[in-house]
Amino acid sequence: MRKYVRGSWQSVIDMMYQSRQEFLSRYPLPQEIATVSFHSSTNSPTSIQQILTQYVKNRYGMENDGLVIPADAEIPGSSVVRYANELDHVGTVWPRDKRNSNRGNR
């Protein structure tokens, strides 16, 4: 993993579940700021995050989008969008139909 992380290894540690929970307990999100949470999940074998999706499902038994489980995506007190259709974590910025049509075009 270290060969893929350029820069500070602390950035990886900071994104781990326990680190994020500790941060939020020390610095709660302000309630006076309107917030929207969004989450989705994927079961598609063609998702580029299929390996990550299956890992989370097998290890924790939870649906996920390839990176985040729905319960962790919901910020307490926020308005929540629970997207019911197939969508992996990168799907909002890199739709599946665009991924397939752009292969080899970098």
PDB file of N, CA and C in Angstrom:
ATOM      1  N   MET A   1       0.815  -1.193   0.000  1.00  0.00           N
ATOM      2  CA  MET A   1       0.000   0.000   0.000  1.00  0.00           C
ATOM      3  C   MET A   1       0.862   1.262   0.000  1.00  0.00           C
ATOM      4  N   ARG A   2       1.943   1.224   0.725  1.00  0.00           N
ATOM      5  CA  ARG A   2       2.778   2.421   0.827  1.00  0.00           C
ATOM      6  C   ARG A   2       3.305   2.892  -0.530  1.00  0.00           C
ATOM      7  N   LYS A   3       3.526   1.965  -1.454  1.00  0.00           N
ATOM      8  CA  LYS A   3       4.048   2.390  -2.751  1.00  0.00           C
ATOM      9  C   LYS A   3       3.006   3.170  -3.562  1.00  0.00           C
ATOM     10  N   TYR A   4       1.725   3.017  -3.209  1.00  0.00           N
ATOM     11  CA  TYR A   4       0.668   3.739  -3.929  1.00  0.00           C
ATOM     12  C   TYR A   4       0.352   5.094  -3.316  1.00  0.00           C
ATOM     13  N   VAL A   5       0.744   5.287  -2.075  1.00  0.00           N
ATOM     14  CA  VAL A   5       0.457   6.546  -1.389  1.00  0.00           C
ATOM     15  C   VAL A   5       1.679   7.440  -1.506  1.00  0.00           C
ATOM     16  N   ARG A   6       1.502   8.500  -2.221  1.00  0.00           N
ATOM     17  CA  ARG A   6       2.591   9.480  -2.349  1.00  0.00           C
ATOM     18  C   ARG A   6       2.274  10.627  -1.406  1.00  0.00           C
ATOM     19  N   GLY A   7       3.234  11.039  -0.661  1.00  0.00           N
ATOM     20  CA  GLY A   7       2.988  12.084   0.325  1.00  0.00           C
ATOM     21  C   GLY A   7       2.926  11.478   1.712  1.00  0.00           C
ATOM     22  N   SER A   8       2.100  12.042   2.538  1.00  0.00           N
ATOM     23  CA  SER A   8       2.040  11.652   3.940  1.00  0.00           C
ATOM     24  C   SER A   8       1.215  10.385   4.164  1.00  0.00           C
ATOM     25  N   TRP A   9       1.809   9.398   4.831  1.00  0.00           N
ATOM     26  CA  TRP A   9       1.090   8.183   5.203  1.00  0.00           C
ATOM     27  C   TRP A   9       0.003   8.528   6.215  1.00  0.00           C
ATOM     28  N   GLN A  10       0.172   9.627   6.946  1.00  0.00           N
ATOM     29  CA  GLN A  10      -0.825  10.062   7.926  1.00  0.00           C
ATOM     30  C   GLN A  10      -2.171  10.328   7.262  1.00  0.00           C
ATOM     31  N   SER A  11      -2.169  10.729   5.994  1.00  0.00           N
ATOM     32  CA  SER A  11      -3.439  10.970   5.291  1.00  0.00           C
ATOM     33  C   SER A  11      -4.263   9.693   5.178  1.00  0.00           C
ATOM     34  N   VAL A  12      -3.615   8.555   5.041  1.00  0.00           N
ATOM     35  CA  VAL A  12      -4.318   7.270   4.992  1.00  0.00           C
ATOM     36  C   VAL A  12      -4.866   6.932   6.372  1.00  0.00           C
ATOM     37  N   ILE A  13      -4.050   7.126   7.389  1.00  0.00           N
ATOM     38  CA  ILE A  13      -4.482   6.854   8.766  1.00  0.00           C
ATOM     39  C   ILE A  13      -5.664   7.739   9.135  1.00  0.00           C
ATOM     40  N   ASP A  14      -5.632   9.003   8.723  1.00  0.00           N
ATOM     41  CA  ASP A  14      -6.721   9.934   9.026  1.00  0.00           C
ATOM     42  C   ASP A  14      -8.049   9.526   8.408  1.00  0.00           C
ATOM     43  N   MET A  15      -8.021   8.760   7.317  1.00  0.00           N
ATOM     44  CA  MET A  15      -9.258   8.328   6.661  1.00  0.00           C
ATOM     45  C   MET A  15      -9.790   7.002   7.198  1.00  0.00           C
ATOM     46  N   MET A  16      -9.074   6.367   8.091  1.00  0.00           N
ATOM     47  CA  MET A  16      -9.542   5.107   8.673  1.00  0.00           C
ATOM     48  C   MET A  16     -10.735   5.380   9.588  1.00  0.00           C
ATOM     49  N   TYR A  17     -11.591   4.399   9.686  1.00  0.00           N
ATOM     50  CA  TYR A  17     -12.850   4.541  10.411  1.00  0.00           C
ATOM     51  C   TYR A  17     -12.660   5.075  11.829  1.00  0.00           C
ATOM     52  N   GLN A  18     -11.778   4.463  12.589  1.00  0.00           N
ATOM     53  CA  GLN A  18     -11.576   4.878  13.973  1.00  0.00           C
ATOM     54  C   GLN A  18     -11.090   6.320  14.059  1.00  0.00           C
ATOM     55  N   SER A  19     -10.196   6.718  13.180  1.00  0.00           N
ATOM     56  CA  SER A  19      -9.685   8.092  13.179  1.00  0.00           C
ATOM     57  C   SER A  19     -10.793   9.092  12.878  1.00  0.00           C
ATOM     58  N   ARG A  20     -11.643   8.756  11.915  1.00  0.00           N
ATOM     59  CA  ARG A  20     -12.747   9.661  11.569  1.00  0.00           C
ATOM     60  C   ARG A  20     -13.733   9.791  12.724  1.00  0.00           C
ATOM     61  N   GLN A  21     -14.031   8.666  13.404  1.00  0.00           N
ATOM     62  CA  GLN A  21     -14.950   8.709  14.541  1.00  0.00           C
ATOM     63  C   GLN A  21     -14.373   9.539  15.686  1.00  0.00           C
ATOM     64  N   GLU A  22     -13.090   9.386  15.955  1.00  0.00           N
ATOM     65  CA  GLU A  22     -12.441  10.172  17.003  1.00  0.00           C
ATOM     66  C   GLU A  22     -12.472  11.661  16.661  1.00  0.00           C
ATOM     67  N   PHE A  23     -12.214  11.999  15.402  1.00  0.00           N
ATOM     68  CA  PHE A  23     -12.240  13.395  14.978  1.00  0.00           C
ATOM     69  C   PHE A  23     -13.641  13.992  15.181  1.00  0.00           C
ATOM     70  N   LEU A  24     -14.664  13.255  14.754  1.00  0.00           N
ATOM     71  CA  LEU A  24     -16.030  13.769  14.879  1.00  0.00           C
ATOM     72  C   LEU A  24     -16.476  13.876  16.338  1.00  0.00           C
ATOM     73  N   SER A  25     -15.954  13.036  17.200  1.00  0.00           N
ATOM     74  CA  SER A  25     -16.313  13.163  18.618  1.00  0.00           C
ATOM     75  C   SER A  25     -15.655  14.391  19.242  1.00  0.00           C
ATOM     76  N   ARG A  26     -14.466  14.739  18.766  1.00  0.00           N
ATOM     77  CA  ARG A  26     -13.775  15.939  19.261  1.00  0.00           C
ATOM     78  C   ARG A  26     -14.317  17.213  18.627  1.00  0.00           C
ATOM     79  N   TYR A  27     -14.702  17.137  17.361  1.00  0.00           N
ATOM     80  CA  TYR A  27     -15.150  18.307  16.611  1.00  0.00           C
ATOM     81  C   TYR A  27     -16.501  18.023  15.955  1.00  0.00           C
ATOM     82  N   PRO A  28     -17.587  18.068  16.727  1.00  0.00           N
ATOM     83  CA  PRO A  28     -18.908  17.778  16.153  1.00  0.00           C
ATOM     84  C   PRO A  28     -19.250  18.762  15.028  1.00  0.00           C
ATOM     85  N   LEU A  29     -19.998  18.256  14.067  1.00  0.00           N
ATOM     86  CA  LEU A  29     -20.430  19.121  12.965  1.00  0.00           C
ATOM     87  C   LEU A  29     -21.446  20.133  13.473  1.00  0.00           C
ATOM     88  N   PRO A  30     -21.369  21.376  13.016  1.00  0.00           N
ATOM     89  CA  PRO A  30     -22.318  22.404  13.492  1.00  0.00           C
ATOM     90  C   PRO A  30     -23.736  22.111  13.005  1.00  0.00           C
ATOM     91  N   GLN A  31     -24.696  22.167  13.913  1.00  0.00           N
ATOM     92  CA  GLN A  31     -26.091  21.882  13.586  1.00  0.00           C
ATOM     93  C   GLN A  31     -26.748  23.006  12.798  1.00  0.00           C
ATOM     94  N   GLU A  32     -26.210  24.223  12.887  1.00  0.00           N
ATOM     95  CA  GLU A  32     -26.847  25.375  12.235  1.00  0.00           C
ATOM     96  C   GLU A  32     -26.546  25.465  10.730  1.00  0.00           C
ATOM     97  N   ILE A  33     -25.734  24.572  10.221  1.00  0.00           N
ATOM     98  CA  ILE A  33     -25.427  24.555   8.790  1.00  0.00           C
ATOM     99  C   ILE A  33     -26.239  23.448   8.132  1.00  0.00           C
ATOM    100  N   ALA A  34     -27.080  23.824   7.166  1.00  0.00           N
ATOM    101  CA  ALA A  34     -27.897  22.834   6.453  1.00  0.00           C
ATOM    102  C   ALA A  34     -26.976  21.889   5.678  1.00  0.00           C
ATOM    103  N   THR A  35     -27.215  20.611   5.830  1.00  0.00           N
ATOM    104  CA  THR A  35     -26.356  19.596   5.224  1.00  0.00           C
ATOM    105  C   THR A  35     -27.202  18.531   4.546  1.00  0.00           C
ATOM    106  N   VAL A  36     -26.725  18.045   3.408  1.00  0.00           N
ATOM    107  CA  VAL A  36     -27.387  16.949   2.704  1.00  0.00           C
ATOM    108  C   VAL A  36     -26.412  15.780   2.629  1.00  0.00           C
ATOM    109  N   SER A  37     -26.888  14.602   2.992  1.00  0.00           N
ATOM    110  CA  SER A  37     -26.095  13.374   2.866  1.00  0.00           C
ATOM    111  C   SER A  37     -26.659  12.560   1.709  1.00  0.00           C
ATOM    112  N   PHE A  38     -25.790  11.867   1.009  1.00  0.00           N
ATOM    113  CA  PHE A  38     -26.192  11.059  -0.147  1.00  0.00           C
ATOM    114  C   PHE A  38     -25.489   9.717  -0.055  1.00  0.00           C
ATOM    115  N   HIS A  39     -26.232   8.653  -0.317  1.00  0.00           N
ATOM    116  CA  HIS A  39     -25.560   7.362  -0.412  1.00  0.00           C
ATOM    117  C   HIS A  39     -26.265   6.445  -1.395  1.00  0.00           C
ATOM    118  N   SER A  40     -25.499   5.473  -1.843  1.00  0.00           N
ATOM    119  CA  SER A  40     -25.975   4.498  -2.815  1.00  0.00           C
ATOM    120  C   SER A  40     -25.263   3.183  -2.536  1.00  0.00           C
ATOM    121  N   SER A  41     -25.539   2.191  -3.358  1.00  0.00           N
ATOM    122  CA  SER A  41     -24.816   0.928  -3.249  1.00  0.00           C
ATOM    123  C   SER A  41     -24.729   0.296  -4.632  1.00  0.00           C
ATOM    124  N   THR A  42     -23.867  -0.694  -4.732  1.00  0.00           N
ATOM    125  CA  THR A  42     -23.711  -1.373  -6.008  1.00  0.00           C
ATOM    126  C   THR A  42     -23.582  -2.876  -5.786  1.00  0.00           C
ATOM    127  N   ASN A  43     -24.118  -3.611  -6.711  1.00  0.00           N
ATOM    128  CA  ASN A  43     -23.952  -5.065  -6.759  1.00  0.00           C
ATOM    129  C   ASN A  43     -23.447  -5.485  -8.133  1.00  0.00           C
ATOM    130  N   SER A  44     -23.116  -4.502  -8.948  1.00  0.00           N
ATOM    131  CA  SER A  44     -22.745  -4.766 -10.332  1.00  0.00           C
ATOM    132  C   SER A  44     -21.376  -5.433 -10.447  1.00  0.00           C
ATOM    133  N   PRO A  45     -21.310  -6.534 -11.174  1.00  0.00           N
ATOM    134  CA  PRO A  45     -20.008  -7.157 -11.400  1.00  0.00           C
ATOM    135  C   PRO A  45     -19.126  -6.346 -12.348  1.00  0.00           C
ATOM    136  N   THR A  46     -19.709  -5.345 -13.027  1.00  0.00           N
ATOM    137  CA  THR A  46     -18.923  -4.514 -13.940  1.00  0.00           C
ATOM    138  C   THR A  46     -18.441  -3.220 -13.301  1.00  0.00           C
ATOM    139  N   SER A  47     -18.779  -2.994 -12.041  1.00  0.00           N
ATOM    140  CA  SER A  47     -18.309  -1.801 -11.346  1.00  0.00           C
ATOM    141  C   SER A  47     -16.790  -1.865 -11.199  1.00  0.00           C
ATOM    142  N   ILE A  48     -16.126  -0.729 -11.404  1.00  0.00           N
ATOM    143  CA  ILE A  48     -14.677  -0.712 -11.202  1.00  0.00           C
ATOM    144  C   ILE A  48     -14.339  -0.872  -9.726  1.00  0.00           C
ATOM    145  N   GLN A  49     -15.336  -0.762  -8.874  1.00  0.00           N
ATOM    146  CA  GLN A  49     -15.127  -0.936  -7.445  1.00  0.00           C
ATOM    147  C   GLN A  49     -15.679  -2.269  -6.942  1.00  0.00           C
ATOM    148  N   GLN A  50     -15.915  -3.182  -7.845  1.00  0.00           N
ATOM    149  CA  GLN A  50     -16.522  -4.461  -7.511  1.00  0.00           C
ATOM    150  C   GLN A  50     -15.712  -5.221  -6.461  1.00  0.00           C
ATOM    151  N   ILE A  51     -14.403  -5.207  -6.556  1.00  0.00           N
ATOM    152  CA  ILE A  51     -13.566  -5.920  -5.586  1.00  0.00           C
ATOM    153  C   ILE A  51     -13.732  -5.311  -4.196  1.00  0.00           C
ATOM    154  N   LEU A  52     -13.727  -3.994  -4.114  1.00  0.00           N
ATOM    155  CA  LEU A  52     -13.922  -3.328  -2.823  1.00  0.00           C
ATOM    156  C   LEU A  52     -15.321  -3.573  -2.276  1.00  0.00           C
ATOM    157  N   THR A  53     -16.318  -3.540  -3.161  1.00  0.00           N
ATOM    158  CA  THR A  53     -17.695  -3.790  -2.748  1.00  0.00           C
ATOM    159  C   THR A  53     -17.824  -5.176  -2.128  1.00  0.00           C
ATOM    160  N   GLN A  54     -17.273  -6.165  -2.790  1.00  0.00           N
ATOM    161  CA  GLN A  54     -17.354  -7.537  -2.289  1.00  0.00           C
ATOM    162  C   GLN A  54     -16.580  -7.711  -0.984  1.00  0.00           C
ATOM    163  N   TYR A  55     -15.443  -7.038  -0.873  1.00  0.00           N
ATOM    164  CA  TYR A  55     -14.662  -7.115   0.365  1.00  0.00           C
ATOM    165  C   TYR A  55     -15.487  -6.618   1.549  1.00  0.00           C
ATOM    166  N   VAL A  56     -16.086  -5.441   1.404  1.00  0.00           N
ATOM    167  CA  VAL A  56     -16.885  -4.871   2.497  1.00  0.00           C
ATOM    168  C   VAL A  56     -18.079  -5.771   2.810  1.00  0.00           C
ATOM    169  N   LYS A  57     -18.728  -6.273   1.761  1.00  0.00           N
ATOM    170  CA  LYS A  57     -19.874  -7.167   1.956  1.00  0.00           C
ATOM    171  C   LYS A  57     -19.468  -8.448   2.689  1.00  0.00           C
ATOM    172  N   ASN A  58     -18.369  -9.047   2.281  1.00  0.00           N
ATOM    173  CA  ASN A  58     -17.911 -10.290   2.904  1.00  0.00           C
ATOM    174  C   ASN A  58     -17.400 -10.076   4.328  1.00  0.00           C
ATOM    175  N   ARG A  59     -16.683  -9.003   4.534  1.00  0.00           N
ATOM    176  CA  ARG A  59     -16.082  -8.756   5.863  1.00  0.00           C
ATOM    177  C   ARG A  59     -17.087  -8.244   6.877  1.00  0.00           C
ATOM    178  N   TYR A  60     -17.960  -7.297   6.443  1.00  0.00           N
ATOM    179  CA  TYR A  60     -18.868  -6.652   7.384  1.00  0.00           C
ATOM    180  C   TYR A  60     -20.336  -7.004   7.164  1.00  0.00           C
ATOM    181  N   GLY A  61     -20.642  -7.668   6.038  1.00  0.00           N
ATOM    182  CA  GLY A  61     -22.016  -8.061   5.756  1.00  0.00           C
ATOM    183  C   GLY A  61     -22.935  -6.898   5.433  1.00  0.00           C
ATOM    184  N   MET A  62     -22.385  -5.831   4.863  1.00  0.00           N
ATOM    185  CA  MET A  62     -23.182  -4.630   4.601  1.00  0.00           C
ATOM    186  C   MET A  62     -23.131  -4.221   3.139  1.00  0.00           C
ATOM    187  N   GLU A  63     -24.270  -3.740   2.655  1.00  0.00           N
ATOM    188  CA  GLU A  63     -24.313  -3.148   1.326  1.00  0.00           C
ATOM    189  C   GLU A  63     -23.409  -1.915   1.344  1.00  0.00           C
ATOM    190  N   ASN A  64     -22.863  -1.551   0.188  1.00  0.00           N
ATOM    191  CA  ASN A  64     -21.974  -0.398   0.123  1.00  0.00           C
ATOM    192  C   ASN A  64     -21.808   0.041  -1.320  1.00  0.00           C
ATOM    193  N   ASP A  65     -21.152   1.173  -1.502  1.00  0.00           N
ATOM    194  CA  ASP A  65     -20.938   1.705  -2.849  1.00  0.00           C
ATOM    195  C   ASP A  65     -19.534   1.436  -3.367  1.00  0.00           C
ATOM    196  N   GLY A  66     -18.809   0.607  -2.667  1.00  0.00           N
ATOM    197  CA  GLY A  66     -17.427   0.319  -3.035  1.00  0.00           C
ATOM    198  C   GLY A  66     -16.444   0.984  -2.092  1.00  0.00           C
ATOM    199  N   LEU A  67     -16.915   1.957  -1.314  1.00  0.00           N
ATOM    200  CA  LEU A  67     -16.057   2.631  -0.342  1.00  0.00           C
ATOM    201  C   LEU A  67     -16.761   2.906   0.983  1.00  0.00           C
ATOM    202  N   VAL A  68     -18.052   3.221   0.939  1.00  0.00           N
ATOM    203  CA  VAL A  68     -18.759   3.686   2.128  1.00  0.00           C
ATOM    204  C   VAL A  68     -20.043   2.886   2.332  1.00  0.00           C
ATOM    205  N   ILE A  69     -20.317   2.487   3.589  1.00  0.00           N
ATOM    206  CA  ILE A  69     -21.600   1.854   3.884  1.00  0.00           C
ATOM    207  C   ILE A  69     -22.624   2.967   4.140  1.00  0.00           C
ATOM    208  N   PRO A  70     -23.898   2.726   3.823  1.00  0.00           N
ATOM    209  CA  PRO A  70     -24.912   3.769   3.984  1.00  0.00           C
ATOM    210  C   PRO A  70     -24.955   4.409   5.371  1.00  0.00           C
ATOM    211  N   ALA A  71     -24.843   3.621   6.429  1.00  0.00           N
ATOM    212  CA  ALA A  71     -24.919   4.188   7.784  1.00  0.00           C
ATOM    213  C   ALA A  71     -23.830   5.231   8.026  1.00  0.00           C
ATOM    214  N   ASP A  72     -22.655   5.035   7.466  1.00  0.00           N
ATOM    215  CA  ASP A  72     -21.569   5.998   7.644  1.00  0.00           C
ATOM    216  C   ASP A  72     -21.705   7.210   6.737  1.00  0.00           C
ATOM    217  N   ALA A  73     -22.500   7.103   5.701  1.00  0.00           N
ATOM    218  CA  ALA A  73     -22.676   8.221   4.776  1.00  0.00           C
ATOM    219  C   ALA A  73     -23.695   9.233   5.288  1.00  0.00           C
ATOM    220  N   GLU A  74     -24.506   8.841   6.256  1.00  0.00           N
ATOM    221  CA  GLU A  74     -25.547   9.733   6.772  1.00  0.00           C
ATOM    222  C   GLU A  74     -25.025  10.557   7.940  1.00  0.00           C
ATOM    223  N   ILE A  75     -24.953  11.860   7.720  1.00  0.00           N
ATOM    224  CA  ILE A  75     -24.521  12.788   8.763  1.00  0.00           C
ATOM    225  C   ILE A  75     -25.708  13.043   9.680  1.00  0.00           C
ATOM    226  N   PRO A  76     -25.566  12.834  10.983  1.00  0.00           N
ATOM    227  CA  PRO A  76     -26.690  13.066  11.892  1.00  0.00           C
ATOM    228  C   PRO A  76     -27.256  14.483  11.750  1.00  0.00           C
ATOM    229  N   GLY A  77     -28.568  14.580  11.648  1.00  0.00           N
ATOM    230  CA  GLY A  77     -29.235  15.870  11.525  1.00  0.00           C
ATOM    231  C   GLY A  77     -29.337  16.391  10.100  1.00  0.00           C
ATOM    232  N   SER A  78     -28.784  15.674   9.136  1.00  0.00           N
ATOM    233  CA  SER A  78     -28.833  16.146   7.746  1.00  0.00           C
ATOM    234  C   SER A  78     -30.071  15.625   7.034  1.00  0.00           C
ATOM    235  N   SER A  79     -30.390  16.247   5.915  1.00  0.00           N
ATOM    236  CA  SER A  79     -31.384  15.691   5.003  1.00  0.00           C
ATOM    237  C   SER A  79     -30.665  14.585   4.236  1.00  0.00           C
ATOM    238  N   VAL A  80     -31.342  13.445   4.058  1.00  0.00           N
ATOM    239  CA  VAL A  80     -30.662  12.289   3.470  1.00  0.00           C
ATOM    240  C   VAL A  80     -31.303  11.876   2.151  1.00  0.00           C
ATOM    241  N   VAL A  81     -30.472  11.696   1.138  1.00  0.00           N
ATOM    242  CA  VAL A  81     -30.904  11.151  -0.144  1.00  0.00           C
ATOM    243  C   VAL A  81     -30.404   9.717  -0.186  1.00  0.00           C
ATOM    244  N   ARG A  82     -31.337   8.772  -0.191  1.00  0.00           N
ATOM    245  CA  ARG A  82     -30.992   7.346  -0.259  1.00  0.00           C
ATOM    246  C   ARG A  82     -31.277   6.874  -1.683  1.00  0.00           C
ATOM    247  N   TYR A  83     -30.262   6.926  -2.510  1.00  0.00           N
ATOM    248  CA  TYR A  83     -30.406   6.604  -3.929  1.00  0.00           C
ATOM    249  C   TYR A  83     -30.635   5.104  -4.095  1.00  0.00           C
ATOM    250  N   ALA A  84     -31.781   4.743  -4.649  1.00  0.00           N
ATOM    251  CA  ALA A  84     -32.179   3.337  -4.709  1.00  0.00           C
ATOM    252  C   ALA A  84     -31.641   2.588  -5.931  1.00  0.00           C
ATOM    253  N   ASN A  85     -31.222   3.297  -6.959  1.00  0.00           N
ATOM    254  CA  ASN A  85     -30.713   2.635  -8.165  1.00  0.00           C
ATOM    255  C   ASN A  85     -29.250   2.246  -8.005  1.00  0.00           C
ATOM    256  N   GLU A  86     -28.780   1.456  -8.926  1.00  0.00           N
ATOM    257  CA  GLU A  86     -27.387   0.993  -8.955  1.00  0.00           C
ATOM    258  C   GLU A  86     -26.444   2.171  -9.166  1.00  0.00           C
ATOM    259  N   LEU A  87     -25.499   2.377  -8.224  1.00  0.00           N
ATOM    260  CA  LEU A  87     -24.527   3.459  -8.367  1.00  0.00           C
ATOM    261  C   LEU A  87     -23.354   3.191  -7.439  1.00  0.00           C
ATOM    262  N   ASP A  88     -22.153   3.082  -8.000  1.00  0.00           N
ATOM    263  CA  ASP A  88     -20.987   2.913  -7.145  1.00  0.00           C
ATOM    264  C   ASP A  88     -20.460   4.276  -6.722  1.00  0.00           C
ATOM    265  N   HIS A  89     -19.425   4.289  -5.903  1.00  0.00           N
ATOM    266  CA  HIS A  89     -18.942   5.522  -5.297  1.00  0.00           C
ATOM    267  C   HIS A  89     -18.506   6.575  -6.312  1.00  0.00           C
ATOM    268  N   VAL A  90     -17.907   6.161  -7.403  1.00  0.00           N
ATOM    269  CA  VAL A  90     -17.452   7.127  -8.404  1.00  0.00           C
ATOM    270  C   VAL A  90     -18.515   7.427  -9.476  1.00  0.00           C
ATOM    271  N   GLY A  91     -19.654   6.752  -9.384  1.00  0.00           N
ATOM    272  CA  GLY A  91     -20.685   6.875 -10.417  1.00  0.00           C
ATOM    273  C   GLY A  91     -21.254   8.262 -10.635  1.00  0.00           C
ATOM    274  N   THR A  92     -21.234   9.117  -9.619  1.00  0.00           N
ATOM    275  CA  THR A  92     -21.785  10.460  -9.787  1.00  0.00           C
ATOM    276  C   THR A  92     -20.875  11.364 -10.607  1.00  0.00           C
ATOM    277  N   VAL A  93     -19.586  11.066 -10.636  1.00  0.00           N
ATOM    278  CA  VAL A  93     -18.649  11.889 -11.402  1.00  0.00           C
ATOM    279  C   VAL A  93     -18.092  11.183 -12.628  1.00  0.00           C
ATOM    280  N   TRP A  94     -18.256   9.854 -12.664  1.00  0.00           N
ATOM    281  CA  TRP A  94     -17.750   9.075 -13.799  1.00  0.00           C
ATOM    282  C   TRP A  94     -18.751   7.976 -14.103  1.00  0.00           C
ATOM    283  N   PRO A  95     -19.866   8.346 -14.769  1.00  0.00           N
ATOM    284  CA  PRO A  95     -20.929   7.374 -15.050  1.00  0.00           C
ATOM    285  C   PRO A  95     -20.412   6.157 -15.815  1.00  0.00           C
ATOM    286  N   ARG A  96     -21.012   5.020 -15.527  1.00  0.00           N
ATOM    287  CA  ARG A  96     -20.580   3.742 -16.107  1.00  0.00           C
ATOM    288  C   ARG A  96     -20.565   3.779 -17.637  1.00  0.00           C
ATOM    289  N   ASP A  97     -21.568   4.410 -18.275  1.00  0.00           N
ATOM    290  CA  ASP A  97     -21.583   4.440 -19.740  1.00  0.00           C
ATOM    291  C   ASP A  97     -20.400   5.234 -20.295  1.00  0.00           C
ATOM    292  N   LYS A  98     -19.933   6.235 -19.565  1.00  0.00           N
ATOM    293  CA  LYS A  98     -18.759   7.008 -19.996  1.00  0.00           C
ATOM    294  C   LYS A  98     -17.472   6.214 -19.778  1.00  0.00           C
ATOM    295  N   ARG A  99     -17.420   5.406 -18.737  1.00  0.00           N
ATOM    296  CA  ARG A  99     -16.233   4.594 -18.462  1.00  0.00           C
ATOM    297  C   ARG A  99     -15.980   3.629 -19.608  1.00  0.00           C
ATOM    298  N   ASN A 100     -17.033   2.975 -20.072  1.00  0.00           N
ATOM    299  CA  ASN A 100     -16.885   1.981 -21.115  1.00  0.00           C
ATOM    300  C   ASN A 100     -16.560   2.604 -22.468  1.00  0.00           C
ATOM    301  N   SER A 101     -17.093   3.792 -22.748  1.00  0.00           N
ATOM    302  CA  SER A 101     -16.862   4.411 -24.053  1.00  0.00           C
ATOM    303  C   SER A 101     -15.506   5.109 -24.153  1.00  0.00           C
ATOM    304  N   ASN A 102     -14.870   5.381 -23.020  1.00  0.00           N
ATOM    305  CA  ASN A 102     -13.602   6.116 -23.022  1.00  0.00           C
ATOM    306  C   ASN A 102     -12.377   5.237 -22.821  1.00  0.00           C
ATOM    307  N   ARG A 103     -12.538   3.932 -22.872  1.00  0.00           N
ATOM    308  CA  ARG A 103     -11.379   3.054 -22.650  1.00  0.00           C
ATOM    309  C   ARG A 103     -10.295   3.347 -23.672  1.00  0.00           C
ATOM    310  N   GLY A 104      -9.118   3.570 -23.171  1.00  0.00           N
ATOM    311  CA  GLY A 104      -7.985   3.836 -24.059  1.00  0.00           C
ATOM    312  C   GLY A 104      -7.853   5.289 -24.466  1.00  0.00           C
ATOM    313  N   ASN A 105      -8.819   6.120 -24.124  1.00  0.00           N
ATOM    314  CA  ASN A 105      -8.746   7.547 -24.492  1.00  0.00           C
ATOM    315  C   ASN A 105      -8.345   8.355 -23.250  1.00  0.00           C
ATOM    316  N   ARG A 106      -7.090   8.516 -23.036  1.00  0.00           N
ATOM    317  CA  ARG A 106      -6.645   9.278 -21.841  1.00  0.00           C
ATOM    318  C   ARG A 106      -6.145  10.620 -22.219  1.00  0.00           C
TER     319      ARG A 106
END
